[in-house]
PDB file of all heavy atoms in Angstrom:
ATOM      1  N   ALA A   1      -2.240 108.219 -43.715  1.00  0.00           N
ATOM      2  CA  ALA A   1      -2.988 108.221 -44.975  1.00  0.00           C
ATOM      3  C   ALA A   1      -3.987 107.077 -45.088  1.00  0.00           C
ATOM      4  O   ALA A   1      -4.953 107.166 -45.853  1.00  0.00           O
ATOM      5  CB  ALA A   1      -2.020 108.184 -46.148  1.00  0.00           C
ATOM      6  N   GLY A   2      -3.758 105.999 -44.355  1.00  0.00           N
ATOM      7  CA  GLY A   2      -4.665 104.858 -44.445  1.00  0.00           C
ATOM      8  C   GLY A   2      -5.046 104.332 -43.085  1.00  0.00           C
ATOM      9  O   GLY A   2      -4.476 104.722 -42.052  1.00  0.00           O
ATOM     10  N   LEU A   3      -6.027 103.448 -43.062  1.00  0.00           N
ATOM     11  CA  LEU A   3      -6.416 102.789 -41.822  1.00  0.00           C
ATOM     12  C   LEU A   3      -5.321 101.823 -41.382  1.00  0.00           C
ATOM     13  O   LEU A   3      -4.555 101.327 -42.208  1.00  0.00           O
ATOM     14  CB  LEU A   3      -7.705 101.999 -42.042  1.00  0.00           C
ATOM     15  CG  LEU A   3      -8.991 102.801 -42.236  1.00  0.00           C
ATOM     16  CD1 LEU A   3     -10.086 101.889 -42.796  1.00  0.00           C
ATOM     17  CD2 LEU A   3      -9.441 103.428 -40.927  1.00  0.00           C
ATOM     18  N   PRO A   4      -5.241 101.513 -40.098  1.00  0.00           N
ATOM     19  CA  PRO A   4      -4.302 100.477 -39.656  1.00  0.00           C
ATOM     20  C   PRO A   4      -4.649  99.141 -40.318  1.00  0.00           C
ATOM     21  O   PRO A   4      -5.815  98.847 -40.573  1.00  0.00           O
ATOM     22  CB  PRO A   4      -4.532 100.404 -38.138  1.00  0.00           C
ATOM     23  CG  PRO A   4      -5.190 101.694 -37.770  1.00  0.00           C
ATOM     24  CD  PRO A   4      -5.998 102.095 -38.957  1.00  0.00           C
ATOM     25  N   ALA A   5      -3.633  98.361 -40.611  1.00  0.00           N
ATOM     26  CA  ALA A   5      -3.867  97.033 -41.182  1.00  0.00           C
ATOM     27  C   ALA A   5      -4.631  96.181 -40.172  1.00  0.00           C
ATOM     28  O   ALA A   5      -4.409  96.281 -38.961  1.00  0.00           O
ATOM     29  CB  ALA A   5      -2.546  96.379 -41.549  1.00  0.00           C
ATOM     30  N   ALA A   6      -5.531  95.357 -40.666  1.00  0.00           N
ATOM     31  CA  ALA A   6      -6.304  94.479 -39.779  1.00  0.00           C
ATOM     32  C   ALA A   6      -6.788  93.277 -40.563  1.00  0.00           C
ATOM     33  O   ALA A   6      -7.246  93.420 -41.704  1.00  0.00           O
ATOM     34  CB  ALA A   6      -7.497  95.228 -39.182  1.00  0.00           C
ATOM     35  N   GLU A   7      -6.660  92.105 -39.962  1.00  0.00           N
ATOM     36  CA  GLU A   7      -7.203  90.892 -40.562  1.00  0.00           C
ATOM     37  C   GLU A   7      -8.567  90.628 -39.932  1.00  0.00           C
ATOM     38  O   GLU A   7      -8.676  90.365 -38.739  1.00  0.00           O
ATOM     39  CB  GLU A   7      -6.259  89.709 -40.316  1.00  0.00           C
ATOM     40  CG  GLU A   7      -4.941  89.810 -41.080  1.00  0.00           C
ATOM     41  CD  GLU A   7      -4.102  88.551 -40.945  1.00  0.00           C
ATOM     42  OE1 GLU A   7      -4.638  87.516 -40.475  1.00  0.00           O
ATOM     43  OE2 GLU A   7      -2.915  88.601 -41.303  1.00  0.00           O
ATOM     44  N   ILE A   8      -9.612  90.715 -40.751  1.00  0.00           N
ATOM     45  CA  ILE A   8     -10.981  90.575 -40.267  1.00  0.00           C
ATOM     46  C   ILE A   8     -11.614  89.374 -40.952  1.00  0.00           C
ATOM     47  O   ILE A   8     -11.695  89.315 -42.176  1.00  0.00           O
ATOM     48  CB  ILE A   8     -11.802  91.847 -40.565  1.00  0.00           C
ATOM     49  CG1 ILE A   8     -11.118  93.085 -39.964  1.00  0.00           C
ATOM     50  CG2 ILE A   8     -13.219  91.705 -40.014  1.00  0.00           C
ATOM     51  CD1 ILE A   8     -11.775  94.396 -40.354  1.00  0.00           C
ATOM     52  N   ASP A   9     -12.054  88.419 -40.151  1.00  0.00           N
ATOM     53  CA  ASP A   9     -12.752  87.256 -40.686  1.00  0.00           C
ATOM     54  C   ASP A   9     -14.230  87.601 -40.869  1.00  0.00           C
ATOM     55  O   ASP A   9     -14.803  88.322 -40.041  1.00  0.00           O
ATOM     56  CB  ASP A   9     -12.605  86.072 -39.726  1.00  0.00           C
ATOM     57  CG  ASP A   9     -13.137  84.785 -40.320  1.00  0.00           C
ATOM     58  OD1 ASP A   9     -14.365  84.549 -40.225  1.00  0.00           O
ATOM     59  OD2 ASP A   9     -12.332  84.016 -40.870  1.00  0.00           O
ATOM     60  N   PRO A  10     -14.867  87.125 -41.946  1.00  0.00           N
ATOM     61  CA  PRO A  10     -16.289  87.430 -42.127  1.00  0.00           C
ATOM     62  C   PRO A  10     -17.159  87.044 -40.933  1.00  0.00           C
ATOM     63  O   PRO A  10     -18.193  87.677 -40.684  1.00  0.00           O
ATOM     64  CB  PRO A  10     -16.668  86.610 -43.372  1.00  0.00           C
ATOM     65  CG  PRO A  10     -15.390  86.473 -44.129  1.00  0.00           C
ATOM     66  CD  PRO A  10     -14.311  86.368 -43.086  1.00  0.00           C
ATOM     67  N   ASP A  11     -16.755  86.014 -40.178  1.00  0.00           N
ATOM     68  CA  ASP A  11     -17.547  85.581 -39.028  1.00  0.00           C
ATOM     69  C   ASP A  11     -17.211  86.333 -37.749  1.00  0.00           C
ATOM     70  O   ASP A  11     -17.793  86.051 -36.695  1.00  0.00           O
ATOM     71  CB  ASP A  11     -17.375  84.082 -38.796  1.00  0.00           C
ATOM     72  CG  ASP A  11     -18.125  83.249 -39.825  1.00  0.00           C
ATOM     73  OD1 ASP A  11     -19.113  83.755 -40.389  1.00  0.00           O
ATOM     74  OD2 ASP A  11     -17.725  82.102 -40.081  1.00  0.00           O
ATOM     75  N   ASP A  12     -16.285  87.301 -37.803  1.00  0.00           N
ATOM     76  CA  ASP A  12     -15.983  88.125 -36.631  1.00  0.00           C
ATOM     77  C   ASP A  12     -17.158  89.056 -36.338  1.00  0.00           C
ATOM     78  O   ASP A  12     -17.864  89.504 -37.252  1.00  0.00           O
ATOM     79  CB  ASP A  12     -14.725  88.965 -36.866  1.00  0.00           C
ATOM     80  CG  ASP A  12     -13.453  88.132 -36.841  1.00  0.00           C
ATOM     81  OD1 ASP A  12     -13.499  86.978 -36.381  1.00  0.00           O
ATOM     82  OD2 ASP A  12     -12.405  88.649 -37.287  1.00  0.00           O
ATOM     83  N   ASP A  13     -17.332  89.399 -35.063  1.00  0.00           N
ATOM     84  CA  ASP A  13     -18.379  90.354 -34.688  1.00  0.00           C
ATOM     85  C   ASP A  13     -18.043  91.746 -35.226  1.00  0.00           C
ATOM     86  O   ASP A  13     -16.923  92.229 -35.070  1.00  0.00           O
ATOM     87  CB  ASP A  13     -18.523  90.443 -33.173  1.00  0.00           C
ATOM     88  CG  ASP A  13     -19.115  89.187 -32.564  1.00  0.00           C
ATOM     89  OD1 ASP A  13     -19.768  88.420 -33.297  1.00  0.00           O
ATOM     90  OD2 ASP A  13     -18.913  88.968 -31.356  1.00  0.00           O
ATOM     91  N   ALA A  14     -19.037  92.379 -35.841  1.00  0.00           N
ATOM     92  CA  ALA A  14     -18.901  93.774 -36.237  1.00  0.00           C
ATOM     93  C   ALA A  14     -19.487  94.685 -35.158  1.00  0.00           C
ATOM     94  O   ALA A  14     -18.929  95.735 -34.852  1.00  0.00           O
ATOM     95  CB  ALA A  14     -19.596  94.031 -37.570  1.00  0.00           C
ATOM     96  N   CYS A  15     -20.615  94.284 -34.601  1.00  0.00           N
ATOM     97  CA  CYS A  15     -21.248  95.108 -33.577  1.00  0.00           C
ATOM     98  C   CYS A  15     -22.029  94.242 -32.607  1.00  0.00           C
ATOM     99  O   CYS A  15     -22.374  93.097 -32.905  1.00  0.00           O
ATOM    100  CB  CYS A  15     -22.154  96.175 -34.209  1.00  0.00           C
ATOM    101  SG  CYS A  15     -23.282  95.557 -35.464  1.00  0.00           S
ATOM    102  N   ILE A  16     -22.253  94.791 -31.441  1.00  0.00           N
ATOM    103  CA  ILE A  16     -23.057  94.141 -30.400  1.00  0.00           C
ATOM    104  C   ILE A  16     -24.080  95.163 -29.923  1.00  0.00           C
ATOM    105  O   ILE A  16     -23.720  96.231 -29.420  1.00  0.00           O
ATOM    106  CB  ILE A  16     -22.185  93.676 -29.218  1.00  0.00           C
ATOM    107  CG1 ILE A  16     -21.125  92.662 -29.692  1.00  0.00           C
ATOM    108  CG2 ILE A  16     -23.047  93.066 -28.122  1.00  0.00           C
ATOM    109  CD1 ILE A  16     -20.117  92.274 -28.615  1.00  0.00           C
ATOM    110  N   PHE A  17     -25.353  94.852 -30.114  1.00  0.00           N
ATOM    111  CA  PHE A  17     -26.431  95.721 -29.670  1.00  0.00           C
ATOM    112  C   PHE A  17     -27.273  94.981 -28.640  1.00  0.00           C
ATOM    113  O   PHE A  17     -27.575  93.794 -28.820  1.00  0.00           O
ATOM    114  CB  PHE A  17     -27.313  96.155 -30.850  1.00  0.00           C
ATOM    115  CG  PHE A  17     -26.608  97.050 -31.832  1.00  0.00           C
ATOM    116  CD1 PHE A  17     -26.862  96.952 -33.192  1.00  0.00           C
ATOM    117  CD2 PHE A  17     -25.698  97.995 -31.408  1.00  0.00           C
ATOM    118  CE1 PHE A  17     -26.220  97.772 -34.104  1.00  0.00           C
ATOM    119  CE2 PHE A  17     -25.043  98.821 -32.302  1.00  0.00           C
ATOM    120  CZ  PHE A  17     -25.306  98.715 -33.655  1.00  0.00           C
ATOM    121  N   TYR A  18     -27.655  95.682 -27.600  1.00  0.00           N
ATOM    122  CA  TYR A  18     -28.367  95.047 -26.494  1.00  0.00           C
ATOM    123  C   TYR A  18     -29.886  95.066 -26.685  1.00  0.00           C
ATOM    124  O   TYR A  18     -30.456  96.039 -27.165  1.00  0.00           O
ATOM    125  CB  TYR A  18     -27.982  95.712 -25.171  1.00  0.00           C
ATOM    126  CG  TYR A  18     -26.666  95.181 -24.650  1.00  0.00           C
ATOM    127  CD1 TYR A  18     -25.458  95.687 -25.118  1.00  0.00           C
ATOM    128  CD2 TYR A  18     -26.632  94.133 -23.745  1.00  0.00           C
ATOM    129  CE1 TYR A  18     -24.251  95.169 -24.675  1.00  0.00           C
ATOM    130  CE2 TYR A  18     -25.441  93.614 -23.296  1.00  0.00           C
ATOM    131  CZ  TYR A  18     -24.243  94.135 -23.766  1.00  0.00           C
ATOM    132  OH  TYR A  18     -23.053  93.602 -23.327  1.00  0.00           O
ATOM    133  N   THR A  19     -30.501  93.962 -26.278  1.00  0.00           N
ATOM    134  CA  THR A  19     -31.959  93.878 -26.301  1.00  0.00           C
ATOM    135  C   THR A  19     -32.532  94.758 -25.190  1.00  0.00           C
ATOM    136  O   THR A  19     -31.793  95.309 -24.371  1.00  0.00           O
ATOM    137  CB  THR A  19     -32.416  92.420 -26.112  1.00  0.00           C
ATOM    138  OG1 THR A  19     -31.962  91.960 -24.817  1.00  0.00           O
ATOM    139  CG2 THR A  19     -31.828  91.520 -27.184  1.00  0.00           C
ATOM    140  N   SER A  20     -33.850  94.852 -25.160  1.00  0.00           N
ATOM    141  CA  SER A  20     -34.481  95.775 -24.209  1.00  0.00           C
ATOM    142  C   SER A  20     -34.412  95.292 -22.769  1.00  0.00           C
ATOM    143  O   SER A  20     -34.517  96.090 -21.838  1.00  0.00           O
ATOM    144  CB  SER A  20     -35.947  95.982 -24.595  1.00  0.00           C
ATOM    145  OG  SER A  20     -36.642  94.750 -24.550  1.00  0.00           O
ATOM    146  N   GLY A  21     -34.269  93.977 -22.553  1.00  0.00           N
ATOM    147  CA  GLY A  21     -34.237  93.468 -21.185  1.00  0.00           C
ATOM    148  C   GLY A  21     -35.597  93.494 -20.522  1.00  0.00           C
ATOM    149  O   GLY A  21     -35.707  93.705 -19.313  1.00  0.00           O
ATOM    150  N   THR A  22     -36.651  93.272 -21.304  1.00  0.00           N
ATOM    151  CA  THR A  22     -38.017  93.357 -20.778  1.00  0.00           C
ATOM    152  C   THR A  22     -38.263  92.335 -19.665  1.00  0.00           C
ATOM    153  O   THR A  22     -38.907  92.636 -18.658  1.00  0.00           O
ATOM    154  CB  THR A  22     -39.032  93.132 -21.910  1.00  0.00           C
ATOM    155  OG1 THR A  22     -38.764  94.066 -22.961  1.00  0.00           O
ATOM    156  CG2 THR A  22     -40.450  93.335 -21.407  1.00  0.00           C
ATOM    157  N   THR A  23     -37.748  91.122 -19.838  1.00  0.00           N
ATOM    158  CA  THR A  23     -38.023  90.054 -18.864  1.00  0.00           C
ATOM    159  C   THR A  23     -36.793  89.656 -18.053  1.00  0.00           C
ATOM    160  O   THR A  23     -36.822  88.673 -17.310  1.00  0.00           O
ATOM    161  CB  THR A  23     -38.558  88.807 -19.587  1.00  0.00           C
ATOM    162  OG1 THR A  23     -37.581  88.374 -20.553  1.00  0.00           O
ATOM    163  CG2 THR A  23     -39.865  89.109 -20.305  1.00  0.00           C
ATOM    164  N   GLY A  24     -35.718  90.390 -18.185  1.00  0.00           N
ATOM    165  CA  GLY A  24     -34.484  90.067 -17.468  1.00  0.00           C
ATOM    166  C   GLY A  24     -33.406  91.040 -17.897  1.00  0.00           C
ATOM    167  O   GLY A  24     -33.686  92.114 -18.429  1.00  0.00           O
ATOM    168  N   PHE A  25     -32.160  90.669 -17.677  1.00  0.00           N
ATOM    169  CA  PHE A  25     -31.072  91.531 -18.115  1.00  0.00           C
ATOM    170  C   PHE A  25     -31.034  91.595 -19.638  1.00  0.00           C
ATOM    171  O   PHE A  25     -31.324  90.605 -20.317  1.00  0.00           O
ATOM    172  CB  PHE A  25     -29.729  91.001 -17.601  1.00  0.00           C
ATOM    173  CG  PHE A  25     -29.512  91.224 -16.126  1.00  0.00           C
ATOM    174  CD1 PHE A  25     -29.405  90.150 -15.256  1.00  0.00           C
ATOM    175  CD2 PHE A  25     -29.416  92.507 -15.623  1.00  0.00           C
ATOM    176  CE1 PHE A  25     -29.205  90.351 -13.903  1.00  0.00           C
ATOM    177  CE2 PHE A  25     -29.212  92.729 -14.268  1.00  0.00           C
ATOM    178  CZ  PHE A  25     -29.116  91.648 -13.406  1.00  0.00           C
TER     179      PHE A  25
END
């Protein structure tokens, strides 16, 4: 009925998105 319990700090990462890598990885 509900989501699993989780302790989330505001400074925790929510998402990681990659840059285009125009000049390197």
